[in-house]
Amino acid sequence: MKKPLSAILLVDDDEISNYITKSLIAEMDLAPELEVVTNGKMALDFLDDHPLLSKGEEGHLLVFLDLNMPIMDGFEFMGEFEKRKWKDKVSVIMLTSSSSPKDLNSAKHYNFLGYLQKPFSQEDIRKLLSGAFI
């Protein structure tokens, strides 16, 4: 069953990666809202305050999450995310430039929708979201 996407949140501290990823996602027109934050703490604050989650509105939110960030990295974010009551209304895709087996092994402990290795294409995003959202 396809879920309607209400918003997409890009969480990455790299300005160039954000520009490229935001452009790719915006061209695909997947959701009416596309926001960018630069660390996991800002992402949790955004999600806590988003009407979809705070007011129980209909829809689904998709997060593209980088692993290596200051303040709160992707794994720390996931640890906090999985404690939230609204996690069933949010799907998380891990973004990584790391090919470290340690990172990929650590990712198995969390409920990621999937992962994308940087750099990635619109086709990579489509394959990952196929069936669930597009």
C-alpha atoms as a PDB file:
ATOM      1  CA  MET A   1       0.000   0.000   0.000  1.00  0.00           C
ATOM      2  CA  LYS A   2       1.411   3.362  -1.020  1.00  0.00           C
ATOM      3  CA  LYS A   3       1.643   6.045   1.639  1.00  0.00           C
ATOM      4  CA  PRO A   4       1.104   9.709   0.752  1.00  0.00           C
ATOM      5  CA  LEU A   5       4.217  11.710   1.582  1.00  0.00           C
ATOM      6  CA  SER A   6       3.476  14.936   3.432  1.00  0.00           C
ATOM      7  CA  ALA A   7       7.055  16.063   3.873  1.00  0.00           C
ATOM      8  CA  ILE A   8      10.681  15.142   3.348  1.00  0.00           C
ATOM      9  CA  LEU A   9      13.411  16.064   5.796  1.00  0.00           C
ATOM     10  CA  LEU A  10      17.035  16.029   4.688  1.00  0.00           C
ATOM     11  CA  VAL A  11      19.466  15.752   7.613  1.00  0.00           C
ATOM     12  CA  ASP A  12      23.064  16.364   6.582  1.00  0.00           C
ATOM     13  CA  ASP A  13      25.766  18.817   7.651  1.00  0.00           C
ATOM     14  CA  ASP A  14      27.493  18.972   4.261  1.00  0.00           C
ATOM     15  CA  GLU A  15      26.360  22.064   2.355  1.00  0.00           C
ATOM     16  CA  ILE A  16      27.336  20.745  -1.086  1.00  0.00           C
ATOM     17  CA  SER A  17      25.657  17.366  -0.501  1.00  0.00           C
ATOM     18  CA  ASN A  18      22.530  19.175   0.690  1.00  0.00           C
ATOM     19  CA  TYR A  19      22.410  21.312  -2.431  1.00  0.00           C
ATOM     20  CA  ILE A  20      22.728  18.281  -4.712  1.00  0.00           C
ATOM     21  CA  THR A  21      20.337  16.054  -2.738  1.00  0.00           C
ATOM     22  CA  LYS A  22      17.736  18.784  -2.310  1.00  0.00           C
ATOM     23  CA  SER A  23      17.843  19.491  -6.067  1.00  0.00           C
ATOM     24  CA  LEU A  24      17.433  15.777  -6.915  1.00  0.00           C
ATOM     25  CA  ILE A  25      14.503  15.361  -4.522  1.00  0.00           C
ATOM     26  CA  ALA A  26      12.803  18.629  -5.523  1.00  0.00           C
ATOM     27  CA  GLU A  27      12.887  17.627  -9.215  1.00  0.00           C
ATOM     28  CA  MET A  28      11.128  14.370  -8.328  1.00  0.00           C
ATOM     29  CA  ASP A  29       8.208  16.247  -6.703  1.00  0.00           C
ATOM     30  CA  LEU A  30       7.695  13.542  -4.062  1.00  0.00           C
ATOM     31  CA  ALA A  31       6.176  15.706  -1.330  1.00  0.00           C
ATOM     32  CA  PRO A  32       4.772  19.221  -0.900  1.00  0.00           C
ATOM     33  CA  GLU A  33       7.356  20.056   1.784  1.00  0.00           C
ATOM     34  CA  LEU A  34      11.141  19.617   1.662  1.00  0.00           C
ATOM     35  CA  GLU A  35      13.205  20.865   4.606  1.00  0.00           C
ATOM     36  CA  VAL A  36      16.906  20.677   5.443  1.00  0.00           C
ATOM     37  CA  VAL A  37      18.586  20.580   8.867  1.00  0.00           C
ATOM     38  CA  THR A  38      22.245  20.002   9.692  1.00  0.00           C
ATOM     39  CA  ASN A  39      22.250  17.609  12.658  1.00  0.00           C
ATOM     40  CA  GLY A  40      20.192  14.978  14.427  1.00  0.00           C
ATOM     41  CA  LYS A  41      19.107  17.284  17.271  1.00  0.00           C
ATOM     42  CA  MET A  42      17.644  19.767  14.798  1.00  0.00           C
ATOM     43  CA  ALA A  43      15.916  16.857  13.030  1.00  0.00           C
ATOM     44  CA  LEU A  44      14.265  15.656  16.250  1.00  0.00           C
ATOM     45  CA  ASP A  45      13.129  19.198  17.030  1.00  0.00           C
ATOM     46  CA  PHE A  46      11.680  19.535  13.523  1.00  0.00           C
ATOM     47  CA  LEU A  47       9.838  16.226  13.798  1.00  0.00           C
ATOM     48  CA  ASP A  48       8.551  16.936  17.320  1.00  0.00           C
ATOM     49  CA  ASP A  49       7.023  20.199  16.058  1.00  0.00           C
ATOM     50  CA  HIS A  50       5.747  19.015  12.667  1.00  0.00           C
ATOM     51  CA  PRO A  51       1.903  19.113  12.441  1.00  0.00           C
ATOM     52  CA  LEU A  52       1.820  15.633  10.936  1.00  0.00           C
ATOM     53  CA  LEU A  53       3.266  14.262  14.164  1.00  0.00           C
ATOM     54  CA  SER A  54       2.303  16.810  16.819  1.00  0.00           C
ATOM     55  CA  LYS A  55      -1.342  17.108  15.696  1.00  0.00           C
ATOM     56  CA  GLY A  56      -1.831  13.639  14.238  1.00  0.00           C
ATOM     57  CA  GLU A  57      -2.514  14.833  10.688  1.00  0.00           C
ATOM     58  CA  GLU A  58      -2.768  12.262   7.883  1.00  0.00           C
ATOM     59  CA  GLY A  59       0.257  11.410   5.784  1.00  0.00           C
ATOM     60  CA  HIS A  60       3.800  10.194   6.135  1.00  0.00           C
ATOM     61  CA  LEU A  61       7.178  11.855   6.561  1.00  0.00           C
ATOM     62  CA  LEU A  62      10.388  10.669   4.933  1.00  0.00           C
ATOM     63  CA  VAL A  63      13.820  11.427   6.411  1.00  0.00           C
ATOM     64  CA  PHE A  64      17.074  11.232   4.478  1.00  0.00           C
ATOM     65  CA  LEU A  65      19.661  10.897   7.267  1.00  0.00           C
ATOM     66  CA  ASP A  66      23.421  11.305   7.044  1.00  0.00           C
ATOM     67  CA  LEU A  67      25.429   9.325   9.595  1.00  0.00           C
ATOM     68  CA  ASN A  68      28.407  11.562  10.312  1.00  0.00           C
ATOM     69  CA  MET A  69      27.329  14.936  11.717  1.00  0.00           C
ATOM     70  CA  PRO A  70      28.251  17.161  14.650  1.00  0.00           C
ATOM     71  CA  ILE A  71      26.110  17.607  17.790  1.00  0.00           C
ATOM     72  CA  MET A  72      24.027  14.464  17.158  1.00  0.00           C
ATOM     73  CA  ASP A  73      25.049  11.953  14.498  1.00  0.00           C
ATOM     74  CA  GLY A  74      22.750   9.650  12.566  1.00  0.00           C
ATOM     75  CA  PHE A  75      23.051   6.724  14.968  1.00  0.00           C
ATOM     76  CA  GLU A  76      22.369   8.933  17.999  1.00  0.00           C
ATOM     77  CA  PHE A  77      19.358  10.329  16.143  1.00  0.00           C
ATOM     78  CA  MET A  78      18.067   6.819  15.474  1.00  0.00           C
ATOM     79  CA  GLY A  79      18.443   5.894  19.144  1.00  0.00           C
ATOM     80  CA  GLU A  80      16.211   8.828  20.109  1.00  0.00           C
ATOM     81  CA  PHE A  81      13.901   8.414  17.097  1.00  0.00           C
ATOM     82  CA  GLU A  82      13.025   4.847  18.023  1.00  0.00           C
ATOM     83  CA  LYS A  83      11.781   6.023  21.449  1.00  0.00           C
ATOM     84  CA  ARG A  84       9.205   8.343  19.852  1.00  0.00           C
ATOM     85  CA  LYS A  85       5.511   7.445  19.713  1.00  0.00           C
ATOM     86  CA  TRP A  86       5.147   8.787  16.189  1.00  0.00           C
ATOM     87  CA  LYS A  87       7.860   6.673  14.580  1.00  0.00           C
ATOM     88  CA  ASP A  88       5.258   4.676  12.607  1.00  0.00           C
ATOM     89  CA  LYS A  89       4.472   7.846  10.601  1.00  0.00           C
ATOM     90  CA  VAL A  90       8.114   8.411   9.642  1.00  0.00           C
ATOM     91  CA  SER A  91      10.463   6.381   7.443  1.00  0.00           C
ATOM     92  CA  VAL A  92      14.213   6.928   7.529  1.00  0.00           C
ATOM     93  CA  ILE A  93      16.686   6.377   4.710  1.00  0.00           C
ATOM     94  CA  MET A  94      20.325   6.308   5.691  1.00  0.00           C
ATOM     95  CA  LEU A  95      22.666   8.432   3.574  1.00  0.00           C
ATOM     96  CA  THR A  96      26.330   7.625   3.715  1.00  0.00           C
ATOM     97  CA  SER A  97      29.579   8.307   1.966  1.00  0.00           C
ATOM     98  CA  SER A  98      31.150   5.655   4.167  1.00  0.00           C
ATOM     99  CA  SER A  99      31.802   2.175   2.885  1.00  0.00           C
ATOM    100  CA  SER A 100      32.869   1.111   6.362  1.00  0.00           C
ATOM    101  CA  PRO A 101      31.591  -2.364   7.254  1.00  0.00           C
ATOM    102  CA  LYS A 102      31.326  -1.090  10.859  1.00  0.00           C
ATOM    103  CA  ASP A 103      28.817   1.619   9.835  1.00  0.00           C
ATOM    104  CA  LEU A 104      26.778  -0.767   7.704  1.00  0.00           C
ATOM    105  CA  ASN A 105      26.762  -3.366  10.486  1.00  0.00           C
ATOM    106  CA  SER A 106      25.696  -0.757  13.059  1.00  0.00           C
ATOM    107  CA  ALA A 107      22.871   0.310  10.736  1.00  0.00           C
ATOM    108  CA  LYS A 108      21.358  -3.190  10.959  1.00  0.00           C
ATOM    109  CA  HIS A 109      20.369  -2.428  14.569  1.00  0.00           C
ATOM    110  CA  TYR A 110      17.934   0.267  13.430  1.00  0.00           C
ATOM    111  CA  ASN A 111      14.768   0.267  11.381  1.00  0.00           C
ATOM    112  CA  PHE A 112      15.971   2.044   8.219  1.00  0.00           C
ATOM    113  CA  LEU A 113      13.785   1.882   5.129  1.00  0.00           C
ATOM    114  CA  GLY A 114      17.050   1.459   3.244  1.00  0.00           C
ATOM    115  CA  TYR A 115      20.288   3.195   2.527  1.00  0.00           C
ATOM    116  CA  LEU A 116      21.803   5.272  -0.234  1.00  0.00           C
ATOM    117  CA  GLN A 117      25.531   5.498  -0.877  1.00  0.00           C
ATOM    118  CA  LYS A 118      26.647   9.023  -1.834  1.00  0.00           C
ATOM    119  CA  PRO A 119      26.644  10.070  -4.583  1.00  0.00           C
ATOM    120  CA  PHE A 120      23.272   8.698  -5.662  1.00  0.00           C
ATOM    121  CA  SER A 121      20.789   9.390  -8.434  1.00  0.00           C
ATOM    122  CA  GLN A 122      17.053   9.891  -8.805  1.00  0.00           C
ATOM    123  CA  GLU A 123      16.877   6.323 -10.087  1.00  0.00           C
ATOM    124  CA  ASP A 124      18.471   5.091  -6.842  1.00  0.00           C
ATOM    125  CA  ILE A 125      15.807   6.990  -4.876  1.00  0.00           C
ATOM    126  CA  ARG A 126      13.007   5.638  -7.090  1.00  0.00           C
ATOM    127  CA  LYS A 127      14.180   2.048  -6.606  1.00  0.00           C
ATOM    128  CA  LEU A 128      14.269   2.485  -2.845  1.00  0.00           C
ATOM    129  CA  LEU A 129      10.839   4.111  -2.651  1.00  0.00           C
ATOM    130  CA  SER A 130       9.158   1.930  -5.263  1.00  0.00           C
ATOM    131  CA  GLY A 131       5.959   0.362  -4.000  1.00  0.00           C
ATOM    132  CA  ALA A 132       5.900   2.172  -0.676  1.00  0.00           C
ATOM    133  CA  PHE A 133       5.632   5.790  -1.870  1.00  0.00           C
ATOM    134  CA  ILE A 134       5.919   6.039  -5.667  1.00  0.00           C
END
